[in-house]
Amino acid sequence: MAITKAAKKALRQNERRRKGNSKYKNALKSVDKEIKKLIIAGKSEEAKKLYPKLYKAADKAAKAGVIKKNKAARIKSRRTKLSNIKK
């Protein structure tokens, strides 16, 4: 357990940041999973309607520093590529 005043403050800050980061990460993961399910089920047109949600979640996570900019681009690219293959 933290002993010094600074260590206690660092714990509080880390907890606050972890909650904020998980909000962005969970939003991104849930949309990504939903799109994957639709693509696997053969409903690529419905999946394409969710792309704006995925792009928004990925860009917000990148902007907040939860994921890097290139990872956001990679996620968007791979989902688009997957739906084009599964046609």
PDB file of N, CA and C in Angstrom:
ATOM      1  N   MET A   1       0.842  -1.189   0.000  1.00  0.00           N
ATOM      2  CA  MET A   1       0.000   0.000   0.000  1.00  0.00           C
ATOM      3  C   MET A   1       0.882   1.246   0.000  1.00  0.00           C
ATOM      4  N   ALA A   2       0.363   2.306  -0.559  1.00  0.00           N
ATOM      5  CA  ALA A   2       1.115   3.553  -0.639  1.00  0.00           C
ATOM      6  C   ALA A   2       1.300   4.160   0.749  1.00  0.00           C
ATOM      7  N   ILE A   3       2.477   4.675   0.979  1.00  0.00           N
ATOM      8  CA  ILE A   3       2.782   5.251   2.286  1.00  0.00           C
ATOM      9  C   ILE A   3       2.830   6.771   2.207  1.00  0.00           C
ATOM     10  N   THR A   4       3.614   7.280   1.257  1.00  0.00           N
ATOM     11  CA  THR A   4       3.784   8.734   1.177  1.00  0.00           C
ATOM     12  C   THR A   4       2.556   9.394   0.567  1.00  0.00           C
ATOM     13  N   LYS A   5       2.466  10.676   0.808  1.00  0.00           N
ATOM     14  CA  LYS A   5       1.346  11.467   0.299  1.00  0.00           C
ATOM     15  C   LYS A   5       1.323  11.461  -1.228  1.00  0.00           C
ATOM     16  N   ALA A   6       2.512  11.553  -1.826  1.00  0.00           N
ATOM     17  CA  ALA A   6       2.629  11.571  -3.287  1.00  0.00           C
ATOM     18  C   ALA A   6       2.201  10.237  -3.892  1.00  0.00           C
ATOM     19  N   ALA A   7       2.549   9.155  -3.216  1.00  0.00           N
ATOM     20  CA  ALA A   7       2.177   7.828  -3.715  1.00  0.00           C
ATOM     21  C   ALA A   7       0.667   7.629  -3.652  1.00  0.00           C
ATOM     22  N   LYS A   8       0.042   8.133  -2.602  1.00  0.00           N
ATOM     23  CA  LYS A   8      -1.417   8.033  -2.468  1.00  0.00           C
ATOM     24  C   LYS A   8      -2.112   8.819  -3.579  1.00  0.00           C
ATOM     25  N   LYS A   9      -1.561   9.994  -3.858  1.00  0.00           N
ATOM     26  CA  LYS A   9      -2.129  10.815  -4.933  1.00  0.00           C
ATOM     27  C   LYS A   9      -1.960  10.116  -6.279  1.00  0.00           C
ATOM     28  N   ALA A  10      -0.801   9.503  -6.498  1.00  0.00           N
ATOM     29  CA  ALA A  10      -0.548   8.787  -7.750  1.00  0.00           C
ATOM     30  C   ALA A  10      -1.536   7.644  -7.930  1.00  0.00           C
ATOM     31  N   LEU A  11      -1.862   6.951  -6.854  1.00  0.00           N
ATOM     32  CA  LEU A  11      -2.859   5.882  -6.922  1.00  0.00           C
ATOM     33  C   LEU A  11      -4.229   6.417  -7.331  1.00  0.00           C
ATOM     34  N   ARG A  12      -4.609   7.544  -6.746  1.00  0.00           N
ATOM     35  CA  ARG A  12      -5.902   8.160  -7.097  1.00  0.00           C
ATOM     36  C   ARG A  12      -5.928   8.561  -8.570  1.00  0.00           C
ATOM     37  N   GLN A  13      -4.833   9.139  -9.035  1.00  0.00           N
ATOM     38  CA  GLN A  13      -4.753   9.560 -10.434  1.00  0.00           C
ATOM     39  C   GLN A  13      -4.817   8.366 -11.375  1.00  0.00           C
ATOM     40  N   ASN A  14      -4.089   7.306 -11.041  1.00  0.00           N
ATOM     41  CA  ASN A  14      -4.076   6.112 -11.882  1.00  0.00           C
ATOM     42  C   ASN A  14      -5.453   5.484 -11.976  1.00  0.00           C
ATOM     43  N   GLU A  15      -6.156   5.435 -10.863  1.00  0.00           N
ATOM     44  CA  GLU A  15      -7.504   4.863 -10.847  1.00  0.00           C
ATOM     45  C   GLU A  15      -8.450   5.677 -11.740  1.00  0.00           C
ATOM     46  N   ARG A  16      -8.349   6.987 -11.637  1.00  0.00           N
ATOM     47  CA  ARG A  16      -9.200   7.875 -12.438  1.00  0.00           C
ATOM     48  C   ARG A  16      -8.901   7.714 -13.928  1.00  0.00           C
ATOM     49  N   ARG A  17      -7.619   7.643 -14.258  1.00  0.00           N
ATOM     50  CA  ARG A  17      -7.216   7.499 -15.659  1.00  0.00           C
ATOM     51  C   ARG A  17      -7.616   6.140 -16.216  1.00  0.00           C
ATOM     52  N   ARG A  18      -7.495   5.089 -15.396  1.00  0.00           N
ATOM     53  CA  ARG A  18      -7.845   3.740 -15.819  1.00  0.00           C
ATOM     54  C   ARG A  18      -9.333   3.663 -16.178  1.00  0.00           C
ATOM     55  N   LYS A  19     -10.176   4.299 -15.364  1.00  0.00           N
ATOM     56  CA  LYS A  19     -11.612   4.299 -15.643  1.00  0.00           C
ATOM     57  C   LYS A  19     -11.920   5.026 -16.950  1.00  0.00           C
ATOM     58  N   GLY A  20     -11.279   6.159 -17.154  1.00  0.00           N
ATOM     59  CA  GLY A  20     -11.496   6.920 -18.384  1.00  0.00           C
ATOM     60  C   GLY A  20     -11.032   6.168 -19.614  1.00  0.00           C
ATOM     61  N   ASN A  21      -9.866   5.526 -19.511  1.00  0.00           N
ATOM     62  CA  ASN A  21      -9.324   4.772 -20.637  1.00  0.00           C
ATOM     63  C   ASN A  21     -10.194   3.570 -20.969  1.00  0.00           C
ATOM     64  N   SER A  22     -10.701   2.902 -19.939  1.00  0.00           N
ATOM     65  CA  SER A  22     -11.514   1.709 -20.190  1.00  0.00           C
ATOM     66  C   SER A  22     -12.827   2.076 -20.869  1.00  0.00           C
ATOM     67  N   LYS A  23     -13.323   3.271 -20.626  1.00  0.00           N
ATOM     68  CA  LYS A  23     -14.551   3.723 -21.287  1.00  0.00           C
ATOM     69  C   LYS A  23     -14.359   3.755 -22.802  1.00  0.00           C
ATOM     70  N   TYR A  24     -13.257   4.332 -23.247  1.00  0.00           N
ATOM     71  CA  TYR A  24     -12.972   4.414 -24.677  1.00  0.00           C
ATOM     72  C   TYR A  24     -12.684   3.036 -25.272  1.00  0.00           C
ATOM     73  N   LYS A  25     -11.911   2.239 -24.531  1.00  0.00           N
ATOM     74  CA  LYS A  25     -11.534   0.923 -25.019  1.00  0.00           C
ATOM     75  C   LYS A  25     -12.744  -0.004 -25.139  1.00  0.00           C
ATOM     76  N   ASN A  26     -13.628   0.038 -24.147  1.00  0.00           N
ATOM     77  CA  ASN A  26     -14.825  -0.806 -24.182  1.00  0.00           C
ATOM     78  C   ASN A  26     -15.761  -0.408 -25.310  1.00  0.00           C
ATOM     79  N   ALA A  27     -15.895   0.882 -25.550  1.00  0.00           N
ATOM     80  CA  ALA A  27     -16.752   1.354 -26.646  1.00  0.00           C
ATOM     81  C   ALA A  27     -16.218   0.841 -27.982  1.00  0.00           C
ATOM     82  N   LEU A  28     -14.925   0.908 -28.157  1.00  0.00           N
ATOM     83  CA  LEU A  28     -14.290   0.446 -29.394  1.00  0.00           C
ATOM     84  C   LEU A  28     -14.450  -1.064 -29.554  1.00  0.00           C
ATOM     85  N   LYS A  29     -14.192  -1.810 -28.499  1.00  0.00           N
ATOM     86  CA  LYS A  29     -14.278  -3.270 -28.563  1.00  0.00           C
ATOM     87  C   LYS A  29     -15.697  -3.740 -28.852  1.00  0.00           C
ATOM     88  N   SER A  30     -16.692  -3.112 -28.230  1.00  0.00           N
ATOM     89  CA  SER A  30     -18.067  -3.561 -28.417  1.00  0.00           C
ATOM     90  C   SER A  30     -18.539  -3.350 -29.852  1.00  0.00           C
ATOM     91  N   VAL A  31     -18.217  -2.209 -30.435  1.00  0.00           N
ATOM     92  CA  VAL A  31     -18.605  -1.948 -31.824  1.00  0.00           C
ATOM     93  C   VAL A  31     -17.858  -2.896 -32.762  1.00  0.00           C
ATOM     94  N   ASP A  32     -16.582  -3.124 -32.477  1.00  0.00           N
ATOM     95  CA  ASP A  32     -15.769  -4.012 -33.304  1.00  0.00           C
ATOM     96  C   ASP A  32     -16.328  -5.433 -33.285  1.00  0.00           C
ATOM     97  N   LYS A  33     -16.685  -5.917 -32.107  1.00  0.00           N
ATOM     98  CA  LYS A  33     -17.254  -7.259 -31.985  1.00  0.00           C
ATOM     99  C   LYS A  33     -18.580  -7.374 -32.722  1.00  0.00           C
ATOM    100  N   GLU A  34     -19.384  -6.340 -32.614  1.00  0.00           N
ATOM    101  CA  GLU A  34     -20.685  -6.347 -33.277  1.00  0.00           C
ATOM    102  C   GLU A  34     -20.516  -6.433 -34.795  1.00  0.00           C
ATOM    103  N   ILE A  35     -19.567  -5.677 -35.324  1.00  0.00           N
ATOM    104  CA  ILE A  35     -19.297  -5.702 -36.760  1.00  0.00           C
ATOM    105  C   ILE A  35     -18.779  -7.079 -37.178  1.00  0.00           C
ATOM    106  N   LYS A  36     -17.873  -7.647 -36.391  1.00  0.00           N
ATOM    107  CA  LYS A  36     -17.345  -8.976 -36.706  1.00  0.00           C
ATOM    108  C   LYS A  36     -18.459 -10.015 -36.770  1.00  0.00           C
ATOM    109  N   LYS A  37     -19.365  -9.964 -35.787  1.00  0.00           N
ATOM    110  CA  LYS A  37     -20.482 -10.916 -35.761  1.00  0.00           C
ATOM    111  C   LYS A  37     -21.336 -10.798 -37.010  1.00  0.00           C
ATOM    112  N   LEU A  38     -21.641  -9.567 -37.399  1.00  0.00           N
ATOM    113  CA  LEU A  38     -22.477  -9.343 -38.580  1.00  0.00           C
ATOM    114  C   LEU A  38     -21.784  -9.831 -39.845  1.00  0.00           C
ATOM    115  N   ILE A  39     -20.499  -9.587 -39.956  1.00  0.00           N
ATOM    116  CA  ILE A  39     -19.757 -10.002 -41.148  1.00  0.00           C
ATOM    117  C   ILE A  39     -19.709 -11.529 -41.241  1.00  0.00           C
ATOM    118  N   ILE A  40     -19.437 -12.166 -40.117  1.00  0.00           N
ATOM    119  CA  ILE A  40     -19.374 -13.630 -40.101  1.00  0.00           C
ATOM    120  C   ILE A  40     -20.741 -14.230 -40.436  1.00  0.00           C
ATOM    121  N   ALA A  41     -21.803 -13.569 -39.989  1.00  0.00           N
ATOM    122  CA  ALA A  41     -23.157 -14.033 -40.275  1.00  0.00           C
ATOM    123  C   ALA A  41     -23.571 -13.753 -41.718  1.00  0.00           C
ATOM    124  N   GLY A  42     -22.748 -13.031 -42.448  1.00  0.00           N
ATOM    125  CA  GLY A  42     -23.032 -12.738 -43.851  1.00  0.00           C
ATOM    126  C   GLY A  42     -23.873 -11.497 -44.056  1.00  0.00           C
ATOM    127  N   LYS A  43     -23.976 -10.666 -43.047  1.00  0.00           N
ATOM    128  CA  LYS A  43     -24.776  -9.442 -43.131  1.00  0.00           C
ATOM    129  C   LYS A  43     -23.851  -8.231 -43.283  1.00  0.00           C
ATOM    130  N   SER A  44     -23.118  -8.211 -44.379  1.00  0.00           N
ATOM    131  CA  SER A  44     -22.116  -7.159 -44.559  1.00  0.00           C
ATOM    132  C   SER A  44     -22.748  -5.784 -44.763  1.00  0.00           C
ATOM    133  N   GLU A  45     -23.961  -5.735 -45.303  1.00  0.00           N
ATOM    134  CA  GLU A  45     -24.623  -4.439 -45.492  1.00  0.00           C
ATOM    135  C   GLU A  45     -24.980  -3.815 -44.141  1.00  0.00           C
ATOM    136  N   GLU A  46     -25.427  -4.639 -43.208  1.00  0.00           N
ATOM    137  CA  GLU A  46     -25.728  -4.133 -41.864  1.00  0.00           C
ATOM    138  C   GLU A  46     -24.448  -3.717 -41.152  1.00  0.00           C
ATOM    139  N   ALA A  47     -23.386  -4.462 -41.405  1.00  0.00           N
ATOM    140  CA  ALA A  47     -22.094  -4.137 -40.792  1.00  0.00           C
ATOM    141  C   ALA A  47     -21.581  -2.797 -41.305  1.00  0.00           C
ATOM    142  N   LYS A  48     -21.809  -2.536 -42.585  1.00  0.00           N
ATOM    143  CA  LYS A  48     -21.340  -1.271 -43.170  1.00  0.00           C
ATOM    144  C   LYS A  48     -22.040  -0.069 -42.542  1.00  0.00           C
ATOM    145  N   LYS A  49     -23.250  -0.281 -42.052  1.00  0.00           N
ATOM    146  CA  LYS A  49     -23.977   0.818 -41.402  1.00  0.00           C
ATOM    147  C   LYS A  49     -23.351   1.172 -40.053  1.00  0.00           C
ATOM    148  N   LEU A  50     -22.603   0.235 -39.483  1.00  0.00           N
ATOM    149  CA  LEU A  50     -21.954   0.477 -38.189  1.00  0.00           C
ATOM    150  C   LEU A  50     -20.542   1.052 -38.330  1.00  0.00           C
ATOM    151  N   TYR A  51     -20.055   1.153 -39.550  1.00  0.00           N
ATOM    152  CA  TYR A  51     -18.702   1.690 -39.744  1.00  0.00           C
ATOM    153  C   TYR A  51     -18.514   3.079 -39.155  1.00  0.00           C
ATOM    154  N   PRO A  52     -19.450   4.005 -39.353  1.00  0.00           N
ATOM    155  CA  PRO A  52     -19.238   5.330 -38.742  1.00  0.00           C
ATOM    156  C   PRO A  52     -19.050   5.264 -37.228  1.00  0.00           C
ATOM    157  N   LYS A  53     -19.773   4.349 -36.570  1.00  0.00           N
ATOM    158  CA  LYS A  53     -19.616   4.171 -35.123  1.00  0.00           C
ATOM    159  C   LYS A  53     -18.219   3.668 -34.785  1.00  0.00           C
ATOM    160  N   LEU A  54     -17.744   2.700 -35.572  1.00  0.00           N
ATOM    161  CA  LEU A  54     -16.409   2.142 -35.350  1.00  0.00           C
ATOM    162  C   LEU A  54     -15.344   3.208 -35.566  1.00  0.00           C
ATOM    163  N   TYR A  55     -15.471   3.949 -36.658  1.00  0.00           N
ATOM    164  CA  TYR A  55     -14.486   4.992 -36.957  1.00  0.00           C
ATOM    165  C   TYR A  55     -14.447   6.044 -35.855  1.00  0.00           C
ATOM    166  N   LYS A  56     -15.627   6.425 -35.391  1.00  0.00           N
ATOM    167  CA  LYS A  56     -15.710   7.435 -34.343  1.00  0.00           C
ATOM    168  C   LYS A  56     -15.057   6.928 -33.055  1.00  0.00           C
ATOM    169  N   ALA A  57     -15.376   5.691 -32.674  1.00  0.00           N
ATOM    170  CA  ALA A  57     -14.817   5.117 -31.442  1.00  0.00           C
ATOM    171  C   ALA A  57     -13.295   4.977 -31.544  1.00  0.00           C
ATOM    172  N   ALA A  58     -12.805   4.542 -32.698  1.00  0.00           N
ATOM    173  CA  ALA A  58     -11.361   4.376 -32.883  1.00  0.00           C
ATOM    174  C   ALA A  58     -10.648   5.727 -32.839  1.00  0.00           C
ATOM    175  N   ASP A  59     -11.220   6.718 -33.494  1.00  0.00           N
ATOM    176  CA  ASP A  59     -10.598   8.043 -33.504  1.00  0.00           C
ATOM    177  C   ASP A  59     -10.608   8.692 -32.124  1.00  0.00           C
ATOM    178  N   LYS A  60     -11.696   8.501 -31.392  1.00  0.00           N
ATOM    179  CA  LYS A  60     -11.763   9.066 -30.049  1.00  0.00           C
ATOM    180  C   LYS A  60     -10.753   8.397 -29.120  1.00  0.00           C
ATOM    181  N   ALA A  61     -10.621   7.085 -29.237  1.00  0.00           N
ATOM    182  CA  ALA A  61      -9.653   6.365 -28.405  1.00  0.00           C
ATOM    183  C   ALA A  61      -8.235   6.819 -28.733  1.00  0.00           C
ATOM    184  N   ALA A  62      -7.963   7.045 -30.001  1.00  0.00           N
ATOM    185  CA  ALA A  62      -6.634   7.511 -30.409  1.00  0.00           C
ATOM    186  C   ALA A  62      -6.383   8.929 -29.913  1.00  0.00           C
ATOM    187  N   LYS A  63      -7.402   9.752 -29.996  1.00  0.00           N
ATOM    188  CA  LYS A  63      -7.255  11.135 -29.554  1.00  0.00           C
ATOM    189  C   LYS A  63      -7.009  11.211 -28.047  1.00  0.00           C
ATOM    190  N   ALA A  64      -7.649  10.317 -27.308  1.00  0.00           N
ATOM    191  CA  ALA A  64      -7.494  10.301 -25.855  1.00  0.00           C
ATOM    192  C   ALA A  64      -6.189   9.643 -25.426  1.00  0.00           C
ATOM    193  N   GLY A  65      -5.494   9.007 -26.383  1.00  0.00           N
ATOM    194  CA  GLY A  65      -4.218   8.380 -26.063  1.00  0.00           C
ATOM    195  C   GLY A  65      -4.358   6.962 -25.533  1.00  0.00           C
ATOM    196  N   VAL A  66      -5.552   6.398 -25.650  1.00  0.00           N
ATOM    197  CA  VAL A  66      -5.778   5.024 -25.188  1.00  0.00           C
ATOM    198  C   VAL A  66      -5.114   4.045 -26.145  1.00  0.00           C
ATOM    199  N   ILE A  67      -5.243   4.313 -27.443  1.00  0.00           N
ATOM    200  CA  ILE A  67      -4.534   3.542 -28.467  1.00  0.00           C
ATOM    201  C   ILE A  67      -3.777   4.536 -29.338  1.00  0.00           C
ATOM    202  N   LYS A  68      -2.832   4.034 -30.099  1.00  0.00           N
ATOM    203  CA  LYS A  68      -2.070   4.931 -30.972  1.00  0.00           C
ATOM    204  C   LYS A  68      -2.824   5.184 -32.271  1.00  0.00           C
ATOM    205  N   LYS A  69      -2.437   6.251 -32.933  1.00  0.00           N
ATOM    206  CA  LYS A  69      -3.104   6.674 -34.165  1.00  0.00           C
ATOM    207  C   LYS A  69      -3.057   5.595 -35.241  1.00  0.00           C
ATOM    208  N   ASN A  70      -1.907   4.949 -35.379  1.00  0.00           N
ATOM    209  CA  ASN A  70      -1.773   3.914 -36.403  1.00  0.00           C
ATOM    210  C   ASN A  70      -2.599   2.682 -36.077  1.00  0.00           C
ATOM    211  N   LYS A  71      -2.768   2.381 -34.805  1.00  0.00           N
ATOM    212  CA  LYS A  71      -3.608   1.236 -34.434  1.00  0.00           C
ATOM    213  C   LYS A  71      -5.058   1.523 -34.798  1.00  0.00           C
ATOM    214  N   ALA A  72      -5.503   2.753 -34.596  1.00  0.00           N
ATOM    215  CA  ALA A  72      -6.867   3.128 -34.973  1.00  0.00           C
ATOM    216  C   ALA A  72      -7.048   2.955 -36.477  1.00  0.00           C
ATOM    217  N   ALA A  73      -6.076   3.392 -37.240  1.00  0.00           N
ATOM    218  CA  ALA A  73      -6.141   3.259 -38.699  1.00  0.00           C
ATOM    219  C   ALA A  73      -6.139   1.788 -39.099  1.00  0.00           C
ATOM    220  N   ARG A  74      -5.348   0.990 -38.410  1.00  0.00           N
ATOM    221  CA  ARG A  74      -5.265  -0.435 -38.709  1.00  0.00           C
ATOM    222  C   ARG A  74      -6.588  -1.146 -38.414  1.00  0.00           C
ATOM    223  N   ILE A  75      -7.222  -0.792 -37.308  1.00  0.00           N
ATOM    224  CA  ILE A  75      -8.518  -1.385 -36.952  1.00  0.00           C
ATOM    225  C   ILE A  75      -9.556  -1.058 -38.022  1.00  0.00           C
ATOM    226  N   LYS A  76      -9.622   0.199 -38.405  1.00  0.00           N
ATOM    227  CA  LYS A  76     -10.594   0.628 -39.418  1.00  0.00           C
ATOM    228  C   LYS A  76     -10.346  -0.080 -40.743  1.00  0.00           C
ATOM    229  N   SER A  77      -9.090  -0.172 -41.124  1.00  0.00           N
ATOM    230  CA  SER A  77      -8.728  -0.789 -42.396  1.00  0.00           C
ATOM    231  C   SER A  77      -9.069  -2.272 -42.416  1.00  0.00           C
ATOM    232  N   ARG A  78      -8.762  -2.966 -41.340  1.00  0.00           N
ATOM    233  CA  ARG A  78      -9.000  -4.410 -41.296  1.00  0.00           C
ATOM    234  C   ARG A  78     -10.479  -4.758 -41.316  1.00  0.00           C
ATOM    235  N   ARG A  79     -11.291  -3.973 -40.642  1.00  0.00           N
ATOM    236  CA  ARG A  79     -12.741  -4.243 -40.655  1.00  0.00           C
ATOM    237  C   ARG A  79     -13.317  -4.007 -42.052  1.00  0.00           C
ATOM    238  N   THR A  80     -12.889  -2.940 -42.700  1.00  0.00           N
ATOM    239  CA  THR A  80     -13.364  -2.648 -44.045  1.00  0.00           C
ATOM    240  C   THR A  80     -12.939  -3.749 -45.000  1.00  0.00           C
ATOM    241  N   LYS A  81     -11.694  -4.165 -44.882  1.00  0.00           N
ATOM    242  CA  LYS A  81     -11.153  -5.216 -45.736  1.00  0.00           C
ATOM    243  C   LYS A  81     -11.901  -6.534 -45.513  1.00  0.00           C
ATOM    244  N   LEU A  82     -12.215  -6.847 -44.275  1.00  0.00           N
ATOM    245  CA  LEU A  82     -12.912  -8.081 -43.932  1.00  0.00           C
ATOM    246  C   LEU A  82     -14.307  -8.118 -44.549  1.00  0.00           C
ATOM    247  N   SER A  83     -15.006  -7.009 -44.506  1.00  0.00           N
ATOM    248  CA  SER A  83     -16.360  -6.997 -45.065  1.00  0.00           C
ATOM    249  C   SER A  83     -16.337  -7.070 -46.595  1.00  0.00           C
ATOM    250  N   ASN A  84     -15.292  -6.538 -47.203  1.00  0.00           N
ATOM    251  CA  ASN A  84     -15.184  -6.621 -48.655  1.00  0.00           C
ATOM    252  C   ASN A  84     -14.849  -8.034 -49.108  1.00  0.00           C
ATOM    253  N   ILE A  85     -14.098  -8.772 -48.296  1.00  0.00           N
ATOM    254  CA  ILE A  85     -13.747 -10.154 -48.631  1.00  0.00           C
ATOM    255  C   ILE A  85     -14.957 -11.071 -48.495  1.00  0.00           C
ATOM    256  N   LYS A  86     -15.777 -10.848 -47.473  1.00  0.00           N
ATOM    257  CA  LYS A  86     -16.888 -11.731 -47.138  1.00  0.00           C
ATOM    258  C   LYS A  86     -18.128 -11.528 -48.012  1.00  0.00           C
ATOM    259  N   LYS A  87     -18.037 -10.721 -49.062  1.00  0.00           N
ATOM    260  CA  LYS A  87     -19.208 -10.455 -49.911  1.00  0.00           C
ATOM    261  C   LYS A  87     -19.705 -11.689 -50.596  1.00  0.00           C
TER     262      LYS A  87
END
